PDB file of N, CA and C in Angstrom:
ATOM      1  N   MET A   1      64.729  16.891  51.772  1.00  0.00           N
ATOM      2  CA  MET A   1      63.483  17.055  51.044  1.00  0.00           C
ATOM      3  C   MET A   1      63.436  16.379  49.925  1.00  0.00           C
ATOM      4  N   SER A   2      62.252  15.624  49.564  1.00  0.00           N
ATOM      5  CA  SER A   2      62.076  14.673  48.358  1.00  0.00           C
ATOM      6  C   SER A   2      61.228  15.565  47.345  1.00  0.00           C
ATOM      7  N   ASP A   3      61.293  15.295  46.156  1.00  0.00           N
ATOM      8  CA  ASP A   3      60.563  15.856  44.890  1.00  0.00           C
ATOM      9  C   ASP A   3      58.993  15.355  45.034  1.00  0.00           C
ATOM     10  N   LYS A   4      58.211  16.346  44.704  1.00  0.00           N
ATOM     11  CA  LYS A   4      56.836  15.888  44.589  1.00  0.00           C
ATOM     12  C   LYS A   4      56.358  16.283  43.246  1.00  0.00           C
ATOM     13  N   VAL A   5      55.549  15.444  42.798  1.00  0.00           N
ATOM     14  CA  VAL A   5      54.975  15.674  41.342  1.00  0.00           C
ATOM     15  C   VAL A   5      53.413  16.075  41.629  1.00  0.00           C
ATOM     16  N   GLU A   6      53.102  17.141  40.893  1.00  0.00           N
ATOM     17  CA  GLU A   6      51.665  17.659  41.093  1.00  0.00           C
ATOM     18  C   GLU A   6      50.985  17.701  39.657  1.00  0.00           C
ATOM     19  N   LEU A   7      49.722  17.263  39.307  1.00  0.00           N
ATOM     20  CA  LEU A   7      49.122  17.583  38.187  1.00  0.00           C
ATOM     21  C   LEU A   7      48.685  18.905  38.131  1.00  0.00           C
ATOM     22  N   VAL A   8      48.943  19.713  37.142  1.00  0.00           N
ATOM     23  CA  VAL A   8      48.416  21.128  37.127  1.00  0.00           C
ATOM     24  C   VAL A   8      47.639  21.364  35.979  1.00  0.00           C
ATOM     25  N   ALA A   9      47.624  20.353  34.970  1.00  0.00           N
ATOM     26  CA  ALA A   9      46.767  20.638  33.917  1.00  0.00           C
ATOM     27  C   ALA A   9      46.531  19.382  33.062  1.00  0.00           C
ATOM     28  N   ALA A  10      45.292  19.265  32.555  1.00  0.00           N
ATOM     29  CA  ALA A  10      45.116  18.065  31.782  1.00  0.00           C
ATOM     30  C   ALA A  10      43.902  18.347  30.784  1.00  0.00           C
ATOM     31  N   ALA A  11      43.926  17.896  29.530  1.00  0.00           N
ATOM     32  CA  ALA A  11      42.803  17.963  28.391  1.00  0.00           C
ATOM     33  C   ALA A  11      42.790  17.029  27.380  1.00  0.00           C
ATOM     34  N   GLN A  12      41.854  16.818  26.776  1.00  0.00           N
ATOM     35  CA  GLN A  12      41.595  16.203  25.678  1.00  0.00           C
ATOM     36  C   GLN A  12      41.100  17.299  24.527  1.00  0.00           C
ATOM     37  N   VAL A  13      41.948  17.394  23.545  1.00  0.00           N
ATOM     38  CA  VAL A  13      41.759  18.469  22.546  1.00  0.00           C
ATOM     39  C   VAL A  13      41.396  17.629  21.059  1.00  0.00           C
ATOM     40  N   SER A  14      39.930  18.027  20.924  1.00  0.00           N
ATOM     41  CA  SER A  14      39.491  17.439  19.727  1.00  0.00           C
ATOM     42  C   SER A  14      39.713  18.375  18.387  1.00  0.00           C
ATOM     43  N   VAL A  15      40.120  17.914  17.462  1.00  0.00           N
ATOM     44  CA  VAL A  15      40.204  18.510  16.351  1.00  0.00           C
ATOM     45  C   VAL A  15      39.232  17.816  15.248  1.00  0.00           C
ATOM     46  N   SER A  16      38.464  18.790  14.494  1.00  0.00           N
ATOM     47  CA  SER A  16      37.799  18.266  13.529  1.00  0.00           C
ATOM     48  C   SER A  16      37.412  18.995  12.278  1.00  0.00           C
ATOM     49  N   GLY A  17      37.083  18.539  11.228  1.00  0.00           N
ATOM     50  CA  GLY A  17      36.917  19.221  10.017  1.00  0.00           C
ATOM     51  C   GLY A  17      38.369  19.339   9.092  1.00  0.00           C
ATOM     52  N   VAL A  18      38.103  19.707   7.888  1.00  0.00           N
ATOM     53  CA  VAL A  18      39.154  19.944   7.122  1.00  0.00           C
ATOM     54  C   VAL A  18      39.336  21.341   6.783  1.00  0.00           C
ATOM     55  N   SER A  19      38.359  21.995   6.321  1.00  0.00           N
ATOM     56  CA  SER A  19      38.472  23.596   6.179  1.00  0.00           C
ATOM     57  C   SER A  19      37.027  24.035   6.451  1.00  0.00           C
ATOM     58  N   PRO A  20      36.924  24.740   7.377  1.00  0.00           N
ATOM     59  CA  PRO A  20      37.936  25.129   8.435  1.00  0.00           C
ATOM     60  C   PRO A  20      37.996  24.230   9.563  1.00  0.00           C
ATOM     61  N   VAL A  21      39.418  24.024  10.110  1.00  0.00           N
ATOM     62  CA  VAL A  21      39.599  23.307  11.223  1.00  0.00           C
ATOM     63  C   VAL A  21      39.171  23.790  12.488  1.00  0.00           C
ATOM     64  N   THR A  22      38.483  23.064  13.248  1.00  0.00           N
ATOM     65  CA  THR A  22      37.970  23.387  14.585  1.00  0.00           C
ATOM     66  C   THR A  22      38.499  22.718  15.741  1.00  0.00           C
ATOM     67  N   THR A  23      38.877  23.308  16.883  1.00  0.00           N
ATOM     68  CA  THR A  23      39.388  22.769  17.868  1.00  0.00           C
ATOM     69  C   THR A  23      38.560  23.120  19.044  1.00  0.00           C
ATOM     70  N   ALA A  24      38.423  22.005  20.091  1.00  0.00           N
ATOM     71  CA  ALA A  24      37.624  22.200  21.250  1.00  0.00           C
ATOM     72  C   ALA A  24      38.306  21.319  22.482  1.00  0.00           C
ATOM     73  N   PHE A  25      37.985  21.853  23.661  1.00  0.00           N
ATOM     74  CA  PHE A  25      38.434  21.030  24.845  1.00  0.00           C
ATOM     75  C   PHE A  25      36.996  20.091  25.038  1.00  0.00           C
ATOM     76  N   ASN A  26      37.322  18.790  24.997  1.00  0.00           N
ATOM     77  CA  ASN A  26      36.342  17.944  25.455  1.00  0.00           C
ATOM     78  C   ASN A  26      36.218  17.816  26.826  1.00  0.00           C
ATOM     79  N   SER A  27      37.501  17.985  27.639  1.00  0.00           N
ATOM     80  CA  SER A  27      37.367  18.282  29.026  1.00  0.00           C
ATOM     81  C   SER A  27      38.915  18.800  29.354  1.00  0.00           C
ATOM     82  N   SER A  28      38.724  19.843  30.396  1.00  0.00           N
ATOM     83  CA  SER A  28      39.888  20.461  30.625  1.00  0.00           C
ATOM     84  C   SER A  28      40.164  20.692  32.217  1.00  0.00           C
ATOM     85  N   PHE A  29      41.410  20.758  32.640  1.00  0.00           N
ATOM     86  CA  PHE A  29      41.758  21.124  33.979  1.00  0.00           C
ATOM     87  C   PHE A  29      42.946  21.669  33.972  1.00  0.00           C
ATOM     88  N   GLY A  30      43.151  23.121  34.417  1.00  0.00           N
ATOM     89  CA  GLY A  30      44.347  23.811  34.369  1.00  0.00           C
ATOM     90  C   GLY A  30      44.829  24.514  33.247  1.00  0.00           C
ATOM     91  N   PHE A  31      44.019  24.366  32.136  1.00  0.00           N
ATOM     92  CA  PHE A  31      44.230  25.131  30.840  1.00  0.00           C
ATOM     93  C   PHE A  31      43.129  26.087  30.845  1.00  0.00           C
ATOM     94  N   LYS A  32      43.555  27.561  30.393  1.00  0.00           N
ATOM     95  CA  LYS A  32      42.635  28.380  30.088  1.00  0.00           C
ATOM     96  C   LYS A  32      42.129  28.444  28.556  1.00  0.00           C
ATOM     97  N   ASN A  33      42.857  28.118  27.568  1.00  0.00           N
ATOM     98  CA  ASN A  33      42.318  27.854  26.290  1.00  0.00           C
ATOM     99  C   ASN A  33      43.237  27.279  25.428  1.00  0.00           C
ATOM    100  N   VAL A  34      42.779  26.933  24.189  1.00  0.00           N
ATOM    101  CA  VAL A  34      43.625  26.219  23.046  1.00  0.00           C
ATOM    102  C   VAL A  34      43.232  27.147  21.880  1.00  0.00           C
ATOM    103  N   VAL A  35      44.562  27.259  21.106  1.00  0.00           N
ATOM    104  CA  VAL A  35      44.426  27.931  19.976  1.00  0.00           C
ATOM    105  C   VAL A  35      45.129  27.205  18.833  1.00  0.00           C
ATOM    106  N   ARG A  36      44.526  27.098  17.671  1.00  0.00           N
ATOM    107  CA  ARG A  36      45.236  26.434  16.505  1.00  0.00           C
ATOM    108  C   ARG A  36      46.259  27.463  15.924  1.00  0.00           C
ATOM    109  N   ILE A  37      47.658  27.410  15.918  1.00  0.00           N
ATOM    110  CA  ILE A  37      48.512  28.377  15.422  1.00  0.00           C
ATOM    111  C   ILE A  37      48.914  28.038  13.874  1.00  0.00           C
ATOM    112  N   ALA A  38      48.780  26.833  13.405  1.00  0.00           N
ATOM    113  CA  ALA A  38      49.121  26.384  12.071  1.00  0.00           C
ATOM    114  C   ALA A  38      48.625  25.088  11.876  1.00  0.00           C
ATOM    115  N   ALA A  39      48.785  24.325  10.647  1.00  0.00           N
ATOM    116  CA  ALA A  39      48.526  23.138  10.594  1.00  0.00           C
ATOM    117  C   ALA A  39      49.316  22.162  11.504  1.00  0.00           C
ATOM    118  N   GLY A  40      48.676  21.349  12.248  1.00  0.00           N
ATOM    119  CA  GLY A  40      49.434  20.571  13.358  1.00  0.00           C
ATOM    120  C   GLY A  40      49.846  21.251  14.524  1.00  0.00           C
ATOM    121  N   GLY A  41      49.754  22.494  14.573  1.00  0.00           N
ATOM    122  CA  GLY A  41      50.336  23.388  15.787  1.00  0.00           C
ATOM    123  C   GLY A  41      49.314  23.967  16.510  1.00  0.00           C
ATOM    124  N   TYR A  42      49.622  23.949  17.766  1.00  0.00           N
ATOM    125  CA  TYR A  42      48.432  24.227  18.974  1.00  0.00           C
ATOM    126  C   TYR A  42      49.147  24.885  20.041  1.00  0.00           C
ATOM    127  N   ASP A  43      48.739  26.098  20.340  1.00  0.00           N
ATOM    128  CA  ASP A  43      49.253  26.852  21.819  1.00  0.00           C
ATOM    129  C   ASP A  43      48.076  26.417  22.842  1.00  0.00           C
ATOM    130  N   LEU A  44      48.528  26.017  23.833  1.00  0.00           N
ATOM    131  CA  LEU A  44      47.641  25.824  25.015  1.00  0.00           C
ATOM    132  C   LEU A  44      48.248  26.733  26.136  1.00  0.00           C
ATOM    133  N   GLU A  45      47.223  27.632  26.718  1.00  0.00           N
ATOM    134  CA  GLU A  45      47.509  28.457  27.788  1.00  0.00           C
ATOM    135  C   GLU A  45      47.126  28.040  29.099  1.00  0.00           C
ATOM    136  N   LEU A  46      48.126  27.876  30.107  1.00  0.00           N
ATOM    137  CA  LEU A  46      47.769  27.378  31.301  1.00  0.00           C
ATOM    138  C   LEU A  46      46.864  28.371  32.109  1.00  0.00           C
ATOM    139  N   GLU A  47      46.256  27.962  33.016  1.00  0.00           N
ATOM    140  CA  GLU A  47      45.374  29.170  33.867  1.00  0.00           C
ATOM    141  C   GLU A  47      46.322  29.849  34.698  1.00  0.00           C
ATOM    142  N   HIS A  48      47.371  29.114  35.256  1.00  0.00           N
ATOM    143  CA  HIS A  48      48.293  29.924  36.184  1.00  0.00           C
ATOM    144  C   HIS A  48      49.796  29.880  35.586  1.00  0.00           C
ATOM    145  N   GLU A  49      50.581  30.604  36.031  1.00  0.00           N
ATOM    146  CA  GLU A  49      52.036  30.665  35.773  1.00  0.00           C
ATOM    147  C   GLU A  49      52.776  29.662  36.388  1.00  0.00           C
ATOM    148  N   HIS A  50      53.522  28.884  35.757  1.00  0.00           N
ATOM    149  CA  HIS A  50      54.532  27.777  36.465  1.00  0.00           C
ATOM    150  C   HIS A  50      55.936  28.067  36.048  1.00  0.00           C
ATOM    151  N   ASP A  51      56.836  27.542  36.509  1.00  0.00           N
ATOM    152  CA  ASP A  51      58.206  27.600  36.081  1.00  0.00           C
ATOM    153  C   ASP A  51      58.332  26.393  34.934  1.00  0.00           C
ATOM    154  N   ALA A  52      58.649  27.029  33.725  1.00  0.00           N
ATOM    155  CA  ALA A  52      58.668  26.191  32.496  1.00  0.00           C
ATOM    156  C   ALA A  52      59.754  25.142  32.794  1.00  0.00           C
ATOM    157  N   LYS A  53      60.744  25.266  33.544  1.00  0.00           N
ATOM    158  CA  LYS A  53      61.826  24.396  33.666  1.00  0.00           C
ATOM    159  C   LYS A  53      61.462  23.181  34.586  1.00  0.00           C
ATOM    160  N   LYS A  54      60.277  23.232  35.283  1.00  0.00           N
ATOM    161  CA  LYS A  54      59.981  22.314  36.192  1.00  0.00           C
ATOM    162  C   LYS A  54      58.735  21.644  35.762  1.00  0.00           C
ATOM    163  N   LEU A  55      58.411  21.699  34.478  1.00  0.00           N
ATOM    164  CA  LEU A  55      57.204  21.174  33.905  1.00  0.00           C
ATOM    165  C   LEU A  55      57.557  19.729  33.231  1.00  0.00           C
ATOM    166  N   ASP A  56      56.650  18.792  33.477  1.00  0.00           N
ATOM    167  CA  ASP A  56      56.693  17.453  32.677  1.00  0.00           C
ATOM    168  C   ASP A  56      55.437  17.344  31.741  1.00  0.00           C
ATOM    169  N   ILE A  57      55.616  17.491  30.702  1.00  0.00           N
ATOM    170  CA  ILE A  57      54.609  17.436  29.620  1.00  0.00           C
ATOM    171  C   ILE A  57      54.437  16.128  29.005  1.00  0.00           C
ATOM    172  N   ASN A  58      53.324  15.559  28.990  1.00  0.00           N
ATOM    173  CA  ASN A  58      52.837  14.179  28.259  1.00  0.00           C
ATOM    174  C   ASN A  58      51.754  14.404  27.483  1.00  0.00           C
ATOM    175  N   VAL A  59      52.110  13.978  26.030  1.00  0.00           N
ATOM    176  CA  VAL A  59      51.014  14.261  25.017  1.00  0.00           C
ATOM    177  C   VAL A  59      50.937  13.017  24.342  1.00  0.00           C
ATOM    178  N   THR A  60      49.702  12.485  23.903  1.00  0.00           N
ATOM    179  CA  THR A  60      49.387  11.332  23.218  1.00  0.00           C
ATOM    180  C   THR A  60      48.382  11.702  22.138  1.00  0.00           C
ATOM    181  N   ARG A  61      48.795  11.171  20.837  1.00  0.00           N
ATOM    182  CA  ARG A  61      47.634  11.309  19.734  1.00  0.00           C
ATOM    183  C   ARG A  61      46.436  10.487  20.101  1.00  0.00           C
ATOM    184  N   SER A  62      45.363  10.937  19.795  1.00  0.00           N
ATOM    185  CA  SER A  62      44.092  10.173  20.034  1.00  0.00           C
ATOM    186  C   SER A  62      43.449   9.638  18.705  1.00  0.00           C
ATOM    187  N   SER A  63      44.459   9.296  17.919  1.00  0.00           N
ATOM    188  CA  SER A  63      43.943   8.776  16.529  1.00  0.00           C
ATOM    189  C   SER A  63      44.545   7.464  16.167  1.00  0.00           C
ATOM    190  N   SER A  64      43.943   7.068  15.329  1.00  0.00           N
ATOM    191  CA  SER A  64      44.380   5.347  15.078  1.00  0.00           C
ATOM    192  C   SER A  64      45.286   5.459  13.834  1.00  0.00           C
ATOM    193  N   SER A  65      45.247   6.371  13.089  1.00  0.00           N
ATOM    194  CA  SER A  65      46.203   6.399  12.021  1.00  0.00           C
ATOM    195  C   SER A  65      47.643   6.783  12.428  1.00  0.00           C
ATOM    196  N   PRO A  66      48.706   6.339  11.839  1.00  0.00           N
ATOM    197  CA  PRO A  66      50.113   6.586  12.286  1.00  0.00           C
ATOM    198  C   PRO A  66      50.432   8.020  12.230  1.00  0.00           C
ATOM    199  N   GLY A  67      51.348   8.396  12.987  1.00  0.00           N
ATOM    200  CA  GLY A  67      51.877   9.967  13.120  1.00  0.00           C
ATOM    201  C   GLY A  67      52.690   9.971  14.502  1.00  0.00           C
ATOM    202  N   SER A  68      53.132  11.306  14.704  1.00  0.00           N
ATOM    203  CA  SER A  68      53.862  11.536  15.943  1.00  0.00           C
ATOM    204  C   SER A  68      53.324  12.756  16.501  1.00  0.00           C
ATOM    205  N   VAL A  69      53.755  13.104  17.733  1.00  0.00           N
ATOM    206  CA  VAL A  69      53.149  14.395  18.246  1.00  0.00           C
ATOM    207  C   VAL A  69      54.304  14.766  19.331  1.00  0.00           C
ATOM    208  N   GLY A  70      54.485  15.948  19.535  1.00  0.00           N
ATOM    209  CA  GLY A  70      55.211  16.428  20.597  1.00  0.00           C
ATOM    210  C   GLY A  70      55.021  17.683  21.154  1.00  0.00           C
ATOM    211  N   ALA A  71      55.427  18.082  22.368  1.00  0.00           N
ATOM    212  CA  ALA A  71      55.047  19.029  23.114  1.00  0.00           C
ATOM    213  C   ALA A  71      56.085  19.673  24.044  1.00  0.00           C
ATOM    214  N   SER A  72      56.163  21.070  24.131  1.00  0.00           N
ATOM    215  CA  SER A  72      57.280  21.612  24.840  1.00  0.00           C
ATOM    216  C   SER A  72      56.446  22.986  25.453  1.00  0.00           C
ATOM    217  N   ALA A  73      57.103  23.319  26.777  1.00  0.00           N
ATOM    218  CA  ALA A  73      56.946  24.594  27.320  1.00  0.00           C
ATOM    219  C   ALA A  73      57.468  25.749  26.581  1.00  0.00           C
ATOM    220  N   VAL A  74      56.684  26.554  26.085  1.00  0.00           N
ATOM    221  CA  VAL A  74      57.393  27.844  25.441  1.00  0.00           C
ATOM    222  C   VAL A  74      57.434  28.964  26.307  1.00  0.00           C
ATOM    223  N   SER A  75      56.786  28.974  27.389  1.00  0.00           N
ATOM    224  CA  SER A  75      57.009  30.109  28.351  1.00  0.00           C
ATOM    225  C   SER A  75      56.340  29.433  29.736  1.00  0.00           C
ATOM    226  N   ASP A  76      56.191  30.242  30.799  1.00  0.00           N
ATOM    227  CA  ASP A  76      55.708  29.746  31.971  1.00  0.00           C
ATOM    228  C   ASP A  76      54.191  29.775  31.852  1.00  0.00           C
ATOM    229  N   ARG A  77      53.644  30.128  30.892  1.00  0.00           N
ATOM    230  CA  ARG A  77      52.248  29.991  30.873  1.00  0.00           C
ATOM    231  C   ARG A  77      51.681  29.150  29.601  1.00  0.00           C
ATOM    232  N   HIS A  78      52.610  28.874  28.655  1.00  0.00           N
ATOM    233  CA  HIS A  78      52.004  28.416  27.202  1.00  0.00           C
ATOM    234  C   HIS A  78      52.981  27.100  27.035  1.00  0.00           C
ATOM    235  N   VAL A  79      52.223  26.173  26.456  1.00  0.00           N
ATOM    236  CA  VAL A  79      52.756  24.875  25.987  1.00  0.00           C
ATOM    237  C   VAL A  79      52.253  24.745  24.473  1.00  0.00           C
ATOM    238  N   GLN A  80      53.249  24.287  23.723  1.00  0.00           N
ATOM    239  CA  GLN A  80      53.045  24.265  22.301  1.00  0.00           C
ATOM    240  C   GLN A  80      52.950  22.702  21.899  1.00  0.00           C
ATOM    241  N   VAL A  81      51.999  22.338  21.153  1.00  0.00           N
ATOM    242  CA  VAL A  81      51.900  20.896  20.585  1.00  0.00           C
ATOM    243  C   VAL A  81      51.865  20.861  19.333  1.00  0.00           C
ATOM    244  N   ASN A  82      52.679  19.992  18.622  1.00  0.00           N
ATOM    245  CA  ASN A  82      52.779  19.648  17.231  1.00  0.00           C
ATOM    246  C   ASN A  82      52.506  18.155  16.769  1.00  0.00           C
ATOM    247  N   THR A  83      51.593  18.151  15.882  1.00  0.00           N
ATOM    248  CA  THR A  83      51.095  16.797  15.523  1.00  0.00           C
ATOM    249  C   THR A  83      51.399  16.587  14.180  1.00  0.00           C
ATOM    250  N   PHE A  84      51.881  15.413  13.756  1.00  0.00           N
ATOM    251  CA  PHE A  84      52.466  15.120  12.455  1.00  0.00           C
ATOM    252  C   PHE A  84      51.866  13.683  12.027  1.00  0.00           C
ATOM    253  N   ASP A  85      51.569  13.535  10.505  1.00  0.00           N
ATOM    254  CA  ASP A  85      51.178  12.277  10.115  1.00  0.00           C
ATOM    255  C   ASP A  85      52.421  11.303  10.074  1.00  0.00           C
ATOM    256  N   SER A  86      51.968  10.254   9.037  1.00  0.00           N
ATOM    257  CA  SER A  86      53.064   9.235   9.067  1.00  0.00           C
ATOM    258  C   SER A  86      54.310   9.540   8.181  1.00  0.00           C
ATOM    259  N   SER A  87      54.084  10.529   7.312  1.00  0.00           N
ATOM    260  CA  SER A  87      55.263  11.071   6.585  1.00  0.00           C
ATOM    261  C   SER A  87      55.940  12.371   7.177  1.00  0.00           C
ATOM    262  N   ASP A  88      55.719  12.566   8.330  1.00  0.00           N
ATOM    263  CA  ASP A  88      56.413  13.596   9.255  1.00  0.00           C
ATOM    264  C   ASP A  88      55.868  14.818   8.630  1.00  0.00           C
ATOM    265  N   THR A  89      54.604  15.056   8.041  1.00  0.00           N
ATOM    266  CA  THR A  89      54.241  16.216   7.602  1.00  0.00           C
ATOM    267  C   THR A  89      53.179  16.993   8.689  1.00  0.00           C
ATOM    268  N   ALA A  90      53.359  18.152   9.146  1.00  0.00           N
ATOM    269  CA  ALA A  90      52.118  18.842   9.939  1.00  0.00           C
ATOM    270  C   ALA A  90      50.925  18.312   9.509  1.00  0.00           C
ATOM    271  N   ALA A  91      50.152  17.891  10.516  1.00  0.00           N
ATOM    272  CA  ALA A  91      48.714  17.349  10.318  1.00  0.00           C
ATOM    273  C   ALA A  91      47.940  17.556  11.419  1.00  0.00           C
ATOM    274  N   ASP A  92      46.696  18.130  11.299  1.00  0.00           N
ATOM    275  CA  ASP A  92      45.752  18.345  12.405  1.00  0.00           C
ATOM    276  C   ASP A  92      45.291  16.988  12.896  1.00  0.00           C
ATOM    277  N   THR A  93      45.410  16.599  14.219  1.00  0.00           N
ATOM    278  CA  THR A  93      44.747  15.590  14.809  1.00  0.00           C
ATOM    279  C   THR A  93      44.328  15.830  16.432  1.00  0.00           C
ATOM    280  N   SER A  94      43.495  15.096  16.819  1.00  0.00           N
ATOM    281  CA  SER A  94      43.319  15.245  18.354  1.00  0.00           C
ATOM    282  C   SER A  94      44.180  14.473  19.224  1.00  0.00           C
ATOM    283  N   PHE A  95      44.389  15.148  20.486  1.00  0.00           N
ATOM    284  CA  PHE A  95      45.206  14.542  21.355  1.00  0.00           C
ATOM    285  C   PHE A  95      44.920  14.727  22.749  1.00  0.00           C
ATOM    286  N   PHE A  96      45.607  14.217  23.725  1.00  0.00           N
ATOM    287  CA  PHE A  96      45.520  14.199  25.076  1.00  0.00           C
ATOM    288  C   PHE A  96      46.710  14.755  25.596  1.00  0.00           C
ATOM    289  N   ILE A  97      46.553  15.574  26.689  1.00  0.00           N
ATOM    290  CA  ILE A  97      47.833  16.200  27.245  1.00  0.00           C
ATOM    291  C   ILE A  97      47.759  16.343  28.829  1.00  0.00           C
ATOM    292  N   THR A  98      48.593  16.103  29.315  1.00  0.00           N
ATOM    293  CA  THR A  98      48.794  16.278  30.841  1.00  0.00           C
ATOM    294  C   THR A  98      50.160  17.065  31.173  1.00  0.00           C
ATOM    295  N   VAL A  99      50.103  18.048  32.218  1.00  0.00           N
ATOM    296  CA  VAL A  99      51.247  18.648  32.572  1.00  0.00           C
ATOM    297  C   VAL A  99      51.397  18.611  33.935  1.00  0.00           C
ATOM    298  N   PHE A 100      52.581  18.094  34.455  1.00  0.00           N
ATOM    299  CA  PHE A 100      52.764  17.916  35.991  1.00  0.00           C
ATOM    300  C   PHE A 100      53.900  19.076  36.186  1.00  0.00           C
ATOM    301  N   ARG A 101      53.932  19.282  37.473  1.00  0.00           N
ATOM    302  CA  ARG A 101      54.854  20.321  37.998  1.00  0.00           C
ATOM    303  C   ARG A 101      55.777  19.423  38.995  1.00  0.00           C
ATOM    304  N   ILE A 102      56.883  19.642  38.979  1.00  0.00           N
ATOM    305  CA  ILE A 102      58.000  18.872  39.877  1.00  0.00           C
ATOM    306  C   ILE A 102      58.222  19.930  40.833  1.00  0.00           C
ATOM    307  N   ARG A 103      57.803  19.806  42.171  1.00  0.00           N
ATOM    308  CA  ARG A 103      58.143  20.590  43.336  1.00  0.00           C
ATOM    309  C   ARG A 103      59.147  20.283  44.216  1.00  0.00           C
ATOM    310  N   ASP A 104      60.028  21.144  44.565  1.00  0.00           N
ATOM    311  CA  ASP A 104      61.325  20.711  45.607  1.00  0.00           C
ATOM    312  C   ASP A 104      60.686  20.585  47.144  1.00  0.00           C
TER     313      ASP A 104
END
């Protein structure tokens, strides 16, 4: 039996403003919502539960300024994204995210 990869969620999360910072889905598929949990930190809730060990998460900053971004599954329904500026300080920035599930 071969592995199959299936797209389970995709979104563009837009971040705007300095104070207050607002977040919004420009488009979404498979995510229930997004919540800003701290500067540069976001929790995205998946619509359905998936085995976190079988998720492949890809996230890309949508900013031209330098910095980094990372993502990880923190439970079977939640993905955490952290964005940083060029000095590795947590900083709010927009991003794109896709989540794939690897099926046996």
